[in-house]
């Protein structure tokens, strides 16, 4: 029979072995890392206290009820979302009523000052919606006194108004409004009068020397459309400068018993399909709250 001392020693040895085993297991649990989901994979349905390992070899692509591509663990049935394949939709970051801009086309008066035989002055206004859609209205006054090269007459059109209605679209609508690339469409119309003056007939032996000929004034109403490509750059504060290239074509009017008019207010000389403009602009903000940052990172839709 074992002595009490021997039994006590045995019990102490067993207790030491038990404590060493427990401490070793606890230490093992503390130092063993839990593998997190690999980059690009977000857990959709799981216990928030658990971080299960993901074996990508078991993942299979499927569609959920909303038509999104999800990854399903074929063993456990756990669903995941592959965030690397999702691009969040970006809407309009600027408010609906964003700004009002008024502008003056200073190129036409400058060209007249340097000897161009037609033109006038033009002002316009633009309402910015979301910094994206921009309804535009234009108004101008123009006249002409054109003597074509090699011809024996002068085309004259007294000062007449013209109007243009249209829309611009800002390609960079979610960027800084100080820099805008715009494409637009216009419908222009004008009521105007014109006549031919300073006409001389050629001398011949029957009619005698040349003599002046006059024609009655013609009344016209013309309509045309324009395609506009323009660039707007803020210079200082609310002041901006803008360049525009316009392609236009006649729709109706501008004809008479004497034939088509040589010049149409707001359009230019008939037969010239291209024109340019240079404007000075003043912008009045309608909403001064700061715009949110444009999303640049990919996010997971839960």
Protein backbone atom coordinates (compact mmCIF):
# COMPACT_ATOMS: atom_id res chain seq x y z
CA UNK A 1 0.00 0.00 0.00
CA UNK A 2 1.32 3.36 -0.94
CA UNK A 3 2.17 5.81 1.81
CA UNK A 4 0.36 9.16 2.17
CA UNK A 5 3.47 10.94 0.97
CA UNK A 6 3.54 8.90 -2.18
CA UNK A 7 -0.15 9.61 -2.88
CA UNK A 8 0.35 13.31 -2.28
CA UNK A 9 3.27 13.40 -4.68
CA UNK A 10 1.19 11.61 -7.31
CA UNK A 11 -1.66 14.07 -6.94
CA UNK A 12 0.67 17.06 -7.20
CA UNK A 13 2.25 15.59 -10.34
CA UNK A 14 -1.17 15.02 -11.95
CA UNK A 15 -2.26 18.57 -11.08
CA UNK A 16 0.92 20.01 -12.57
CA UNK A 17 0.43 18.05 -15.80
CA UNK A 18 -3.23 19.20 -16.01
CA UNK A 19 -2.33 22.86 -15.43
CA UNK A 20 0.48 22.70 -18.00
CA UNK A 21 -1.88 21.20 -20.59
CA UNK A 22 -4.57 23.82 -19.94
CA UNK A 23 -2.07 26.67 -20.11
CA UNK A 24 -0.64 25.28 -23.35
CA UNK A 25 -4.10 25.02 -24.95
CA UNK A 26 -5.04 28.54 -23.81
CA UNK A 27 -1.79 29.92 -25.20
CA UNK A 28 -2.39 28.10 -28.45
CA UNK A 29 -5.83 29.68 -28.78
CA UNK A 30 -4.39 33.11 -28.15
CA UNK A 31 -1.51 32.99 -30.63
CA UNK A 32 -3.21 31.16 -33.47
CA UNK A 33 -4.46 33.82 -35.96
CA UNK A 34 -7.87 33.54 -37.52
CA UNK A 35 -7.56 33.91 -41.28
CA UNK A 36 -9.67 36.89 -42.39
CA UNK A 37 -11.59 36.89 -45.66
CA UNK A 38 -9.33 37.46 -48.60
CA UNK A 39 -9.32 40.96 -50.18
CA UNK A 40 -12.35 41.70 -52.29
CA UNK A 41 -14.72 39.42 -50.36
CA UNK A 42 -17.27 40.80 -47.89
CA UNK A 43 -19.33 38.50 -45.68
CA UNK A 44 -23.07 38.96 -46.23
CA UNK A 45 -24.63 36.59 -43.70
CA UNK A 46 -22.64 35.51 -40.67
CA UNK A 47 -22.39 35.77 -36.91
CA UNK A 48 -20.62 39.08 -36.18
CA UNK A 49 -18.56 37.39 -33.45
CA UNK A 50 -17.19 34.77 -35.82
CA UNK A 51 -14.61 35.20 -38.55
CA UNK A 52 -14.80 31.99 -40.59
CA UNK A 53 -12.06 31.06 -42.95
CA UNK A 54 -12.96 31.21 -46.63
CA UNK A 55 -11.78 28.59 -49.05
CA UNK A 56 -12.10 30.33 -52.40
CA UNK A 57 -11.91 26.97 -54.13
CA UNK A 58 -15.39 26.25 -52.72
CA UNK A 59 -16.91 29.58 -53.86
CA UNK A 60 -19.31 29.62 -56.77
CA UNK A 61 -20.79 32.68 -58.54
CA UNK A 62 -24.60 33.00 -58.46
CA UNK A 63 -27.22 35.72 -58.84
CA UNK A 64 -29.29 36.91 -55.89
CA UNK A 65 -32.93 38.13 -56.04
CA UNK A 66 -31.78 41.63 -57.06
CA UNK A 67 -29.64 40.33 -59.91
CA UNK A 68 -26.34 40.96 -58.11
CA UNK A 69 -23.47 38.55 -58.50
CA UNK A 70 -22.73 36.82 -55.19
CA UNK A 71 -20.29 34.13 -54.11
CA UNK A 72 -21.71 31.06 -52.36
CA UNK A 73 -19.69 28.58 -50.30
CA UNK A 74 -20.82 25.27 -51.82
CA UNK A 75 -20.11 23.42 -48.56
CA UNK A 76 -21.60 25.71 -45.89
CA UNK A 77 -24.05 27.67 -48.06
CA UNK A 78 -22.68 30.99 -46.74
CA UNK A 79 -23.16 33.91 -49.11
CA UNK A 80 -20.54 36.55 -49.82
CA UNK A 81 -20.33 39.62 -52.05
CA UNK A 82 -17.32 40.17 -54.27
CA UNK A 83 -16.83 43.89 -53.71
CA UNK A 84 -14.13 44.16 -56.38
CA UNK A 85 -16.72 43.60 -59.07
CA UNK A 86 -19.19 46.25 -57.91
CA UNK A 87 -19.02 49.86 -59.11
CA UNK A 88 -21.39 52.11 -57.18
CA UNK A 89 -23.73 54.27 -59.26
CA UNK A 90 -22.87 57.96 -59.14
CA UNK A 91 -25.77 60.40 -59.39
CA UNK A 92 -25.83 64.18 -59.54
CA UNK A 93 -23.74 65.61 -56.71
CA UNK A 94 -24.83 69.23 -57.32
CA UNK A 95 -28.30 70.56 -56.39
CA UNK A 96 -31.10 70.90 -58.91
CA UNK A 97 -31.05 74.71 -58.96
CA UNK A 98 -27.31 75.16 -59.13
CA UNK A 99 -26.53 78.53 -60.78
CA UNK A 100 -27.53 81.18 -63.30
CA UNK A 101 -25.04 82.49 -65.86
CA UNK A 102 -25.37 85.52 -68.11
CA UNK A 103 -22.96 86.14 -70.95
CA UNK A 104 -22.08 88.60 -73.69
CA UNK A 105 -20.60 87.50 -77.01
CA UNK A 106 -17.84 90.07 -77.50
CA UNK A 107 -16.46 88.58 -80.71
CA UNK A 108 -19.13 89.97 -83.07
CA UNK A 109 -18.60 93.65 -82.10
CA UNK A 110 -14.84 93.15 -82.31
CA UNK A 111 -15.09 91.73 -85.83
CA UNK A 112 -17.32 94.62 -86.91
CA UNK A 113 -14.76 97.05 -85.54
CA UNK A 114 -12.11 95.38 -87.71
CA UNK A 115 -14.17 95.70 -90.88
CA UNK A 116 -16.55 92.73 -91.04
CA UNK A 117 -19.59 93.68 -93.12
CA UNK A 118 -22.19 92.03 -90.89
CA UNK A 119 -22.86 91.20 -87.24
CA UNK A 120 -24.08 92.88 -84.09
CA UNK A 121 -24.38 92.20 -80.38
CA UNK A 122 -25.62 89.16 -78.48
CA UNK A 123 -26.46 88.41 -74.83
CA UNK A 124 -27.61 85.12 -73.36
CA UNK A 125 -28.71 83.50 -70.12
CA UNK A 126 -28.31 79.94 -68.86
CA UNK A 127 -29.87 78.06 -65.93
CA UNK A 128 -27.70 75.29 -64.49
CA UNK A 129 -29.58 72.19 -63.29
CA UNK A 130 -27.34 69.82 -61.29
CA UNK A 131 -24.39 71.46 -63.13
CA UNK A 132 -25.44 69.10 -65.91
CA UNK A 133 -28.45 70.28 -67.90
CA UNK A 134 -28.42 73.94 -68.93
CA UNK A 135 -31.42 75.51 -70.70
CA UNK A 136 -30.27 78.54 -72.70
CA UNK A 137 -31.99 81.59 -74.19
CA UNK A 138 -30.14 84.04 -76.45
CA UNK A 139 -31.08 87.45 -77.83
CA UNK A 140 -29.22 89.58 -80.35
CA UNK A 141 -29.41 92.50 -82.77
CA UNK A 142 -27.67 92.39 -86.11
CA UNK A 143 -27.41 94.16 -89.46
CA UNK A 144 -25.47 93.79 -92.68
CA UNK A 145 -24.12 95.78 -95.60
CA UNK A 146 -22.33 93.27 -97.82
CA UNK A 147 -20.83 93.98 -101.22
CA UNK A 148 -19.72 90.62 -102.66
CA UNK A 149 -16.38 90.58 -104.41
CA UNK A 150 -16.74 91.10 -108.17
CA UNK A 151 -20.48 91.87 -107.97
CA UNK A 152 -22.32 95.08 -108.91
CA UNK A 153 -24.68 95.36 -105.91
CA UNK A 154 -24.79 95.69 -102.12
CA UNK A 155 -26.92 93.51 -99.88
CA UNK A 156 -28.40 95.56 -97.03
CA UNK A 157 -30.31 94.36 -93.98
CA UNK A 158 -31.23 96.95 -91.33
CA UNK A 159 -30.89 96.20 -87.63
CA UNK A 160 -33.07 93.18 -86.79
CA UNK A 161 -33.57 90.99 -83.70
CA UNK A 162 -32.98 87.27 -83.44
CA UNK A 163 -33.75 84.71 -80.73
CA UNK A 164 -32.32 81.32 -79.89
CA UNK A 165 -33.66 78.64 -77.54
CA UNK A 166 -31.78 75.50 -76.64
CA UNK A 167 -30.01 73.27 -74.16
CA UNK A 168 -26.40 72.67 -73.15
CA UNK A 169 -25.07 69.49 -71.57
CA UNK A 170 -22.01 69.66 -69.33
CA UNK A 171 -19.85 66.60 -69.97
CA UNK A 172 -17.99 67.13 -66.66
CA UNK A 173 -21.15 67.58 -64.58
CA UNK A 174 -19.74 66.04 -61.38
CA UNK A 175 -16.45 67.90 -61.59
CA UNK A 176 -15.42 71.42 -60.58
CA UNK A 177 -17.91 73.88 -62.17
CA UNK A 178 -15.01 76.24 -62.88
CA UNK A 179 -14.15 74.07 -65.89
CA UNK A 180 -16.93 72.91 -68.19
CA UNK A 181 -17.06 71.19 -71.55
CA UNK A 182 -20.49 71.75 -73.11
CA UNK A 183 -22.35 70.34 -76.08
CA UNK A 184 -25.58 72.00 -77.06
CA UNK A 185 -28.39 72.42 -79.55
CA UNK A 186 -30.24 75.61 -80.50
CA UNK A 187 -33.23 76.66 -82.56
CA UNK A 188 -32.87 80.18 -83.91
CA UNK A 189 -35.48 82.42 -85.51
CA UNK A 190 -35.49 85.96 -86.82
CA UNK A 191 -37.85 88.40 -88.56
CA UNK A 192 -35.83 90.72 -90.78
CA UNK A 193 -35.88 92.88 -93.89
CA UNK A 194 -33.40 93.16 -96.70
CA UNK A 195 -32.88 94.71 -100.10
CA UNK A 196 -30.33 95.08 -102.88
CA UNK A 197 -28.89 98.52 -103.49
CA UNK A 198 -26.17 100.22 -105.55
CA UNK A 199 -26.97 97.99 -108.50
CA UNK A 200 -25.59 99.18 -111.81
CA UNK A 201 -26.35 97.78 -115.28
CA UNK A 202 -23.54 97.08 -117.69
CA UNK A 203 -23.09 99.67 -120.43
CA UNK A 204 -23.81 98.65 -124.02
CA UNK A 205 -24.46 100.37 -127.32
CA UNK A 206 -28.26 99.98 -127.12
CA UNK A 207 -29.06 101.05 -123.47
CA UNK A 208 -26.34 103.64 -123.27
CA UNK A 209 -24.23 104.28 -120.15
CA UNK A 210 -24.71 102.31 -116.93
CA UNK A 211 -27.53 103.41 -114.64
CA UNK A 212 -28.58 102.57 -111.04
CA UNK A 213 -31.29 99.97 -110.45
CA UNK A 214 -33.32 99.56 -107.25
CA UNK A 215 -35.52 96.80 -105.79
CA UNK A 216 -38.26 96.95 -103.15
CA UNK A 217 -37.50 95.88 -99.58
CA UNK A 218 -38.16 92.19 -98.87
CA UNK A 219 -39.68 90.91 -95.62
CA UNK A 220 -38.48 87.52 -94.37
CA UNK A 221 -38.87 85.19 -91.40
CA UNK A 222 -36.16 82.53 -91.11
CA UNK A 223 -35.49 79.60 -88.80
CA UNK A 224 -32.34 77.53 -88.35
CA UNK A 225 -30.70 75.11 -85.96
CA UNK A 226 -27.24 75.11 -84.39
CA UNK A 227 -24.99 72.47 -82.87
CA UNK A 228 -22.62 74.05 -80.33
CA UNK A 229 -19.40 72.81 -78.75
CA UNK A 230 -18.06 75.18 -76.09
CA UNK A 231 -15.59 75.48 -73.25
CA UNK A 232 -16.06 77.54 -70.08
CA UNK A 233 -13.20 78.49 -67.74
CA UNK A 234 -13.52 80.53 -64.55
CA UNK A 235 -11.01 83.38 -64.44
CA UNK A 236 -11.68 85.10 -61.13
CA UNK A 237 -14.62 84.95 -58.73
CA UNK A 238 -17.87 84.81 -60.72
CA UNK A 239 -16.18 85.86 -63.99
CA UNK A 240 -15.58 83.24 -66.69
CA UNK A 241 -14.52 83.18 -70.31
CA UNK A 242 -15.93 80.87 -72.94
CA UNK A 243 -15.11 79.76 -76.45
CA UNK A 244 -17.70 78.24 -78.79
CA UNK A 245 -17.70 76.59 -82.20
CA UNK A 246 -21.09 76.49 -83.95
CA UNK A 247 -22.32 74.37 -86.82
CA UNK A 248 -25.64 75.58 -88.23
CA UNK A 249 -28.05 74.88 -91.07
CA UNK A 250 -31.17 76.59 -92.41
CA UNK A 251 -34.57 75.07 -91.69
CA UNK A 252 -37.00 77.45 -93.34
CA UNK A 253 -37.50 80.98 -94.69
CA UNK A 254 -35.15 83.61 -95.95
CA UNK A 255 -36.45 83.44 -99.53
CA UNK A 256 -38.28 85.99 -101.68
CA UNK A 257 -39.05 86.77 -105.37
CA UNK A 258 -35.48 88.05 -105.53
CA UNK A 259 -34.14 84.72 -104.29
CA UNK A 260 -32.65 83.72 -100.93
CA UNK A 261 -31.23 86.41 -98.70
CA UNK A 262 -27.47 86.61 -98.54
CA UNK A 263 -27.40 87.10 -94.77
CA UNK A 264 -29.62 85.91 -91.88
CA UNK A 265 -29.36 87.64 -88.46
CA UNK A 266 -27.83 85.37 -85.83
CA UNK A 267 -26.89 82.83 -88.48
CA UNK A 268 -24.41 84.69 -90.65
CA UNK A 269 -23.82 84.56 -94.36
CA UNK A 270 -25.79 81.91 -96.17
CA UNK A 271 -23.55 79.03 -97.20
CA UNK A 272 -21.23 79.40 -94.18
CA UNK A 273 -22.01 76.45 -91.92
CA UNK A 274 -19.41 77.24 -89.24
CA UNK A 275 -18.96 80.20 -86.93
CA UNK A 276 -17.19 80.93 -83.65
CA UNK A 277 -17.97 82.91 -80.52
CA UNK A 278 -16.12 84.29 -77.53
CA UNK A 279 -18.08 85.26 -74.43
CA UNK A 280 -17.51 86.95 -71.09
CA UNK A 281 -19.75 85.40 -68.40
CA UNK A 282 -20.98 86.20 -64.90
CA UNK A 283 -22.28 83.33 -62.74
CA UNK A 284 -24.67 83.70 -59.81
CA UNK A 285 -24.83 80.63 -57.52
CA UNK A 286 -28.31 79.56 -56.42
CA UNK A 287 -27.15 77.07 -53.79
CA UNK A 288 -24.03 77.75 -51.75
CA UNK A 289 -23.93 74.48 -49.78
CA UNK A 290 -20.73 72.53 -50.51
CA UNK A 291 -21.06 69.63 -52.91
CA UNK A 292 -20.25 66.15 -51.60
CA UNK A 293 -17.05 64.51 -52.73
CA UNK A 294 -17.26 62.42 -55.87
CA UNK A 295 -17.06 58.72 -54.93
CA UNK A 296 -13.81 57.23 -56.18
CA UNK A 297 -13.66 53.91 -54.29
CA UNK A 298 -15.65 50.75 -54.82
CA UNK A 299 -18.24 49.86 -52.18
CA UNK A 300 -20.25 46.78 -51.39
CA UNK A 301 -24.04 46.94 -51.67
CA UNK A 302 -25.47 44.99 -48.78
